[in-house]
Protein backbone atom coordinates (compact mmCIF):
# COMPACT_ATOMS: atom_id res chain seq x y z
CA MET A 1 30.60 65.87 28.35
CA LEU A 2 33.61 64.96 28.45
CA ASN A 3 35.08 62.52 26.57
CA VAL A 4 38.13 60.20 28.40
CA VAL A 5 40.41 57.99 25.75
CA PHE A 6 42.38 55.35 27.47
CA LEU A 7 44.79 54.16 24.54
CA ASP A 8 46.29 50.81 26.47
CA ALA A 9 43.92 49.90 29.09
CA LEU A 10 46.04 46.46 29.15
CA HIS A 11 48.50 47.85 31.03
CA TYR A 12 46.22 48.24 33.58
CA PRO A 13 44.57 44.36 35.34
CA ASN A 14 41.19 44.76 34.72
CA ASN A 15 40.21 42.89 37.77
CA TYR A 16 41.16 46.51 39.54
CA GLN A 17 37.90 48.94 39.90
CA LEU A 18 39.21 52.32 38.50
CA LYS A 19 37.60 55.33 41.04
CA LYS A 20 34.93 57.17 39.71
CA LEU A 21 35.24 60.41 38.25
CA ASP A 22 33.80 63.42 39.56
CA PHE A 23 32.37 64.97 35.98
CA GLU A 24 30.35 63.87 33.49
CA HIS A 25 31.89 61.80 30.92
CA ASN A 26 32.37 59.12 27.99
CA TRP A 27 34.93 56.44 29.13
CA ILE A 28 35.84 54.98 26.24
CA SER A 29 38.94 52.43 26.19
CA TYR A 30 40.91 50.15 24.35
CA PRO A 31 43.43 47.20 25.77
CA TYR A 32 46.14 48.44 22.93
CA THR A 33 46.54 50.61 20.15
CA LEU A 34 48.73 50.37 17.26
CA PRO A 35 50.31 53.30 15.87
CA GLU A 36 48.17 53.73 12.81
CA GLN A 37 45.10 53.73 15.24
CA THR A 38 45.97 56.34 17.42
CA PHE A 39 44.65 59.81 15.62
CA GLU A 40 41.47 58.41 14.67
CA ARG A 41 41.17 57.25 18.30
CA SER A 42 42.09 60.68 19.78
CA LYS A 43 40.57 62.81 17.25
CA GLU A 44 37.43 63.26 19.67
CA ALA A 45 39.46 63.28 23.23
CA ASP A 46 39.18 65.74 26.14
CA ILE A 47 41.24 63.66 27.69
CA ILE A 48 43.78 61.08 26.83
CA ILE A 49 45.23 58.04 29.03
CA SER A 50 48.11 56.82 28.08
CA SER A 51 50.93 54.36 28.95
CA LYS A 52 53.01 53.46 26.43
CA VAL A 53 51.21 54.67 23.07
CA VAL A 54 53.26 56.94 21.64
CA LEU A 55 51.75 61.05 20.97
CA ASP A 56 54.30 62.25 18.66
CA ARG A 57 54.48 66.26 17.64
CA PRO A 58 52.55 65.33 14.27
CA THR A 59 49.70 63.81 16.27
CA LEU A 60 49.53 65.94 18.34
CA GLU A 61 49.67 68.91 15.63
CA ARG A 62 46.60 67.47 14.11
CA LEU A 63 45.11 66.91 17.45
CA ALA A 64 45.37 70.29 18.21
CA GLU A 65 43.65 71.95 14.72
CA ILE A 66 40.48 70.02 16.01
CA GLY A 67 41.14 71.85 19.80
CA ARG A 68 40.13 69.53 21.68
CA LEU A 69 42.32 67.62 23.55
CA LYS A 70 43.71 69.59 26.50
CA LEU A 71 44.89 66.46 29.05
CA ILE A 72 47.02 63.56 28.72
CA GLN A 73 46.98 61.89 31.12
CA ILE A 74 50.33 59.02 32.21
CA PRO A 75 49.47 56.55 34.24
CA ALA A 76 53.08 55.95 34.66
CA THR A 77 56.37 57.66 35.98
CA GLY A 78 58.26 58.07 32.83
CA THR A 79 56.70 60.10 30.01
CA ASN A 80 58.93 59.00 27.15
CA ASN A 81 56.09 58.60 25.23
CA VAL A 82 54.97 62.29 24.68
CA ASP A 83 56.34 64.79 23.60
CA LEU A 84 56.63 67.09 26.00
CA GLU A 85 58.09 70.24 24.31
CA ALA A 86 55.07 70.04 21.63
CA ALA A 87 52.17 69.53 23.81
CA LYS A 88 53.77 72.69 26.15
CA GLU A 89 53.76 74.26 22.45
CA LEU A 90 50.20 73.06 21.57
CA GLY A 91 48.47 74.19 25.30
CA ILE A 92 48.23 70.30 25.96
CA ALA A 93 48.81 69.29 29.53
CA VAL A 94 51.21 66.35 30.76
CA GLN A 95 50.54 64.97 33.67
CA ASN A 96 52.44 61.54 35.25
CA VAL A 97 52.32 59.87 38.33
CA GLU A 98 55.32 60.07 40.63
CA GLY A 99 56.48 57.57 43.78
CA TYR A 100 53.74 55.22 43.43
CA SER A 101 56.20 52.17 42.95
CA SER A 102 59.34 53.06 44.47
CA ASN A 103 58.98 50.65 47.09
CA SER A 104 57.74 47.74 44.92
CA VAL A 105 60.88 48.18 42.58
CA ALA A 106 63.08 48.87 45.61
CA GLU A 107 61.92 45.18 46.70
CA HIS A 108 62.36 44.22 43.35
CA VAL A 109 66.23 44.71 43.61
CA ILE A 110 66.15 42.79 46.30
CA GLY A 111 64.46 39.81 45.65
CA PHE A 112 66.63 40.31 42.61
CA ILE A 113 70.04 40.29 44.71
CA PHE A 114 68.87 37.35 46.73
CA ASN A 115 67.42 35.43 43.52
CA LEU A 116 71.24 36.19 41.63
CA SER A 117 73.18 35.57 45.23
CA ARG A 118 71.30 31.94 46.05
CA SER A 119 69.89 30.30 42.69
CA TYR A 120 66.74 30.12 43.53
CA HIS A 121 65.05 30.07 40.06
CA GLY A 122 67.49 26.98 39.20
CA TRP A 123 66.93 25.15 41.97
CA SER A 124 63.66 25.75 41.91
CA ARG A 125 63.57 24.05 38.45
CA ASP A 126 65.62 21.39 39.73
CA GLN A 127 62.57 20.14 42.29
CA LEU A 128 59.89 20.83 38.92
CA GLN A 129 62.20 17.70 37.53
CA ALA A 130 62.55 15.32 40.31
CA ARG A 131 66.45 16.64 40.55
CA TRP A 132 66.79 15.93 43.89
CA SER A 133 65.55 12.34 43.91
CA GLU A 134 68.14 11.46 41.70
CA GLN A 135 71.02 12.39 45.35
CA LYS A 136 72.65 9.74 47.13
CA CYS A 137 73.19 12.61 49.64
CA PHE A 138 70.87 14.31 51.88
CA THR A 139 71.07 17.47 49.11
CA TYR A 140 73.09 18.79 46.46
CA TYR A 141 75.29 21.62 44.81
CA ASP A 142 75.80 22.42 41.60
CA TYR A 143 74.55 26.33 41.45
CA PRO A 144 76.93 29.08 43.91
CA ILE A 145 75.23 29.95 47.18
CA PHE A 146 76.99 32.76 48.37
CA ASP A 147 75.61 35.39 51.39
CA ILE A 148 74.92 38.81 50.84
CA ALA A 149 76.07 40.65 54.32
CA GLY A 150 79.47 42.35 53.86
CA LYS A 151 79.48 42.52 49.95
CA THR A 152 79.22 46.13 48.48
CA LEU A 153 76.29 47.41 46.29
CA THR A 154 76.93 50.13 44.03
CA ILE A 155 73.72 52.15 43.00
CA VAL A 156 73.89 54.96 39.75
CA GLY A 157 70.86 57.59 40.28
CA ARG A 158 70.14 58.39 43.76
CA GLY A 159 66.36 59.02 42.84
CA ASN A 160 63.90 58.05 45.82
CA ILE A 161 64.40 54.61 44.58
CA GLY A 162 67.84 54.47 44.52
CA ASN A 163 67.73 55.56 47.89
CA LEU A 164 65.30 53.03 49.02
CA VAL A 165 67.59 49.90 47.42
CA ALA A 166 70.52 51.54 49.50
CA GLU A 167 67.97 51.83 53.25
CA LYS A 168 66.81 48.12 52.43
CA ALA A 169 70.28 46.78 51.19
CA LYS A 170 71.80 48.43 54.69
CA ALA A 171 69.44 46.77 56.93
CA LEU A 172 70.64 43.46 55.13
CA GLY A 173 74.19 43.95 55.92
CA MET A 174 75.50 44.80 52.93
CA LYS A 175 77.50 47.91 52.10
CA VAL A 176 76.30 50.54 49.56
CA ILE A 177 77.97 53.24 47.69
CA PHE A 178 76.48 55.78 45.25
CA ALA A 179 78.14 56.19 41.77
CA GLU A 180 78.86 59.41 40.61
CA ARG A 181 77.54 60.38 36.95
CA HIS A 182 80.28 59.36 34.57
CA ASN A 183 80.85 62.58 32.96
CA ALA A 184 80.67 64.49 35.69
CA GLU A 185 84.02 66.04 36.37
CA GLU A 186 83.64 66.11 40.15
CA VAL A 187 82.90 63.84 42.78
CA ARG A 188 80.03 65.66 45.27
CA PRO A 189 80.28 63.93 49.14
CA GLY A 190 78.39 61.06 49.54
CA TYR A 191 79.33 59.79 46.06
CA VAL A 192 82.18 57.86 44.55
CA GLU A 193 84.07 58.31 41.63
CA PHE A 194 82.17 56.34 38.90
CA LYS A 195 84.89 54.05 37.48
CA THR A 196 86.03 53.74 40.81
CA ALA A 197 82.14 52.71 42.28
CA ILE A 198 81.72 50.35 39.01
CA ALA A 199 84.98 48.63 40.05
CA GLN A 200 83.89 48.13 43.99
CA ALA A 201 81.16 46.34 43.08
CA ASP A 202 79.84 42.65 43.56
CA TYR A 203 76.00 43.89 43.03
CA ILE A 204 75.51 47.00 40.34
CA THR A 205 71.51 48.41 40.08
CA LEU A 206 70.61 50.99 37.56
CA HIS A 207 68.49 53.64 38.72
CA CYS A 208 69.32 56.66 36.18
CA PRO A 209 67.03 58.30 34.21
CA LEU A 210 67.41 57.37 30.19
CA THR A 211 68.84 60.44 28.72
CA PRO A 212 71.07 61.48 25.90
CA SER A 213 74.32 60.93 28.38
CA THR A 214 73.18 57.45 29.62
CA VAL A 215 71.70 55.73 26.76
CA GLU A 216 73.69 52.32 26.61
CA LEU A 217 76.07 53.51 30.25
CA VAL A 218 76.31 49.65 29.99
CA ASN A 219 78.89 49.90 27.09
CA GLN A 220 81.48 47.43 26.63
CA ASP A 221 84.65 49.77 28.61
CA PHE A 222 81.56 49.36 31.30
CA ILE A 223 81.56 45.55 31.26
CA ASN A 224 85.71 45.48 31.84
CA LEU A 225 85.54 47.47 34.76
CA MET A 226 83.16 45.39 36.96
CA LYS A 227 84.35 41.88 38.65
CA LYS A 228 84.71 38.33 37.01
CA THR A 229 82.22 37.98 39.86
CA ALA A 230 79.68 40.93 40.03
CA PHE A 231 76.05 40.77 39.06
CA LEU A 232 74.75 43.32 36.81
CA ILE A 233 70.74 44.57 38.31
CA ASN A 234 68.29 46.96 35.78
CA THR A 235 64.97 48.02 36.92
CA GLY A 236 65.47 51.40 35.21
CA ARG A 237 65.16 51.48 31.15
CA GLY A 238 66.22 49.35 29.07
CA GLY A 239 68.26 51.25 26.67
CA LEU A 240 70.80 51.92 29.71
CA ILE A 241 71.88 48.71 28.78
CA ASN A 242 73.82 47.66 24.94
CA GLU A 243 72.07 44.14 25.06
CA ALA A 244 74.64 43.09 22.52
CA VAL A 245 77.95 43.43 24.50
CA LEU A 246 75.62 42.28 28.26
CA ALA A 247 74.77 39.03 25.94
CA GLN A 248 78.28 38.23 25.41
CA ALA A 249 79.62 39.15 28.51
CA LEU A 250 77.33 36.52 29.74
CA LYS A 251 77.94 33.99 27.50
CA GLU A 252 81.71 34.51 28.34
CA ARG A 253 81.28 34.65 32.53
CA ARG A 254 83.17 37.83 31.98
CA ILE A 255 80.65 38.97 34.60
CA ALA A 256 78.93 36.14 37.08
CA GLY A 257 75.41 37.47 35.53
CA ALA A 258 72.03 40.02 35.40
CA ALA A 259 68.62 40.60 36.29
CA LEU A 260 66.48 42.59 34.33
CA ASP A 261 63.13 43.97 34.49
CA VAL A 262 64.11 46.34 31.17
CA LEU A 263 64.40 45.75 27.83
CA SER A 264 65.45 48.30 24.72
CA THR A 265 62.17 46.80 23.59
CA GLU A 266 59.22 45.89 25.30
CA PRO A 267 57.63 43.13 24.74
CA PRO A 268 61.43 42.24 23.03
CA ALA A 269 61.91 40.97 19.83
CA LYS A 270 62.90 37.18 19.18
CA ASP A 271 65.70 38.46 18.19
CA ASN A 272 67.02 40.35 20.84
CA PRO A 273 70.26 38.97 22.11
CA LEU A 274 69.33 38.59 25.57
CA VAL A 275 66.87 36.65 24.23
CA LEU A 276 68.57 34.58 22.67
CA ALA A 277 71.70 33.85 24.45
CA GLY A 278 70.79 30.26 25.52
CA LEU A 279 71.58 31.48 29.25
CA ASP A 280 71.46 29.70 32.43
CA GLU A 281 68.44 30.91 35.10
CA TYR A 282 71.36 31.26 37.36
CA ASN A 283 73.11 33.50 34.74
CA LEU A 284 70.24 35.92 33.06
CA PHE A 285 67.15 36.68 35.13
CA ILE A 286 64.92 39.12 33.51
CA THR A 287 61.11 39.81 35.02
CA PRO A 288 58.45 41.48 31.92
CA HIS A 289 58.61 45.17 33.48
CA ASN A 290 56.75 44.16 36.36
CA ALA A 291 58.87 45.66 39.28
CA PHE A 292 56.43 48.60 40.07
CA ALA A 293 53.55 45.83 39.76
CA SER A 294 52.59 44.68 43.53
CA GLU A 295 49.08 44.96 44.08
CA GLN A 296 49.59 47.98 46.46
CA SER A 297 51.48 49.91 44.17
CA LEU A 298 48.71 49.47 41.47
CA ARG A 299 46.00 50.79 43.52
CA LYS A 300 47.71 53.43 44.48
CA LEU A 301 48.50 54.04 40.92
CA ALA A 302 44.87 54.36 40.00
CA ASP A 303 43.48 56.23 42.88
CA LEU A 304 46.43 59.29 42.20
CA MET A 305 45.26 58.99 37.79
CA VAL A 306 41.83 59.56 38.55
CA ASP A 307 42.98 62.11 41.55
CA HIS A 308 44.68 64.02 39.18
CA ILE A 309 42.27 63.93 36.74
CA ASN A 310 40.07 65.50 38.12
CA THR A 311 41.76 67.52 40.17
CA PHE A 312 42.93 68.56 36.20
CA VAL A 313 39.15 69.67 35.45
CA LYS A 314 37.75 71.02 38.57
CA ASN A 315 40.56 74.06 37.56
CA ASN A 316 40.92 74.07 34.04
CA TYR A 317 37.07 73.33 32.53
């Protein structure tokens, strides 16, 4: 009988019933796991499920010495919480789940675009405070409202999500361009040189992976390229942005605003410069890394995760 240990089950809603695994097993689930608890909770595992718990080389080496662990199943797309090189050397398989949330994230981006262009959050907050009731006219004009049709959307990263965002944005009448890599020597067909693409944008949305070359891609030089009327959207990885630089740019109205679903540390520290910025809702809009979390995406994620584990066990035990 195999031991399956879910180290951070809080990353999946507990009201969703997982499909059953096809093999006899003990299922051990923890809502979350602290770094100092990781080894102790994992040492009897044949299969670990971990979304964000870090499984670094020292931990994997200790687990490999025991000799039970055969699979780390990540119920997400990103694999940066696992030392993949160490896992490969130690004969521990690592599986993620890809493609389950592409449409959900793309729709979240479109929602951000509408919120930034029509200031929905500000208007809604006002009504909860009876702001409309105080007016002498049938309406009022405290927040900016403008159409997105005809605006330019620059997409940084042309994977599945980037392409879906492009498709949806074009359907709304936006002009879509894909930025070439910032360090590229040549511009590929279908792309626009990086600096030009940033400078032309009314909206910029980030969908590139977080790598050593893209850490803090959004820095002071990046901000200086942007129009003062442009908006920045990030549903990729928080580390793509220098948050102190962005906070200062928003305070100074150097750019029009930003909408973020990811931050460099999650949950964010209370001294995160964006959290402390004290900005108006129409200038900075943050959601708690839930762009992926539509009901349809979560169900697909759960089903694919179980299918991946079942297939692995069938082929390896």
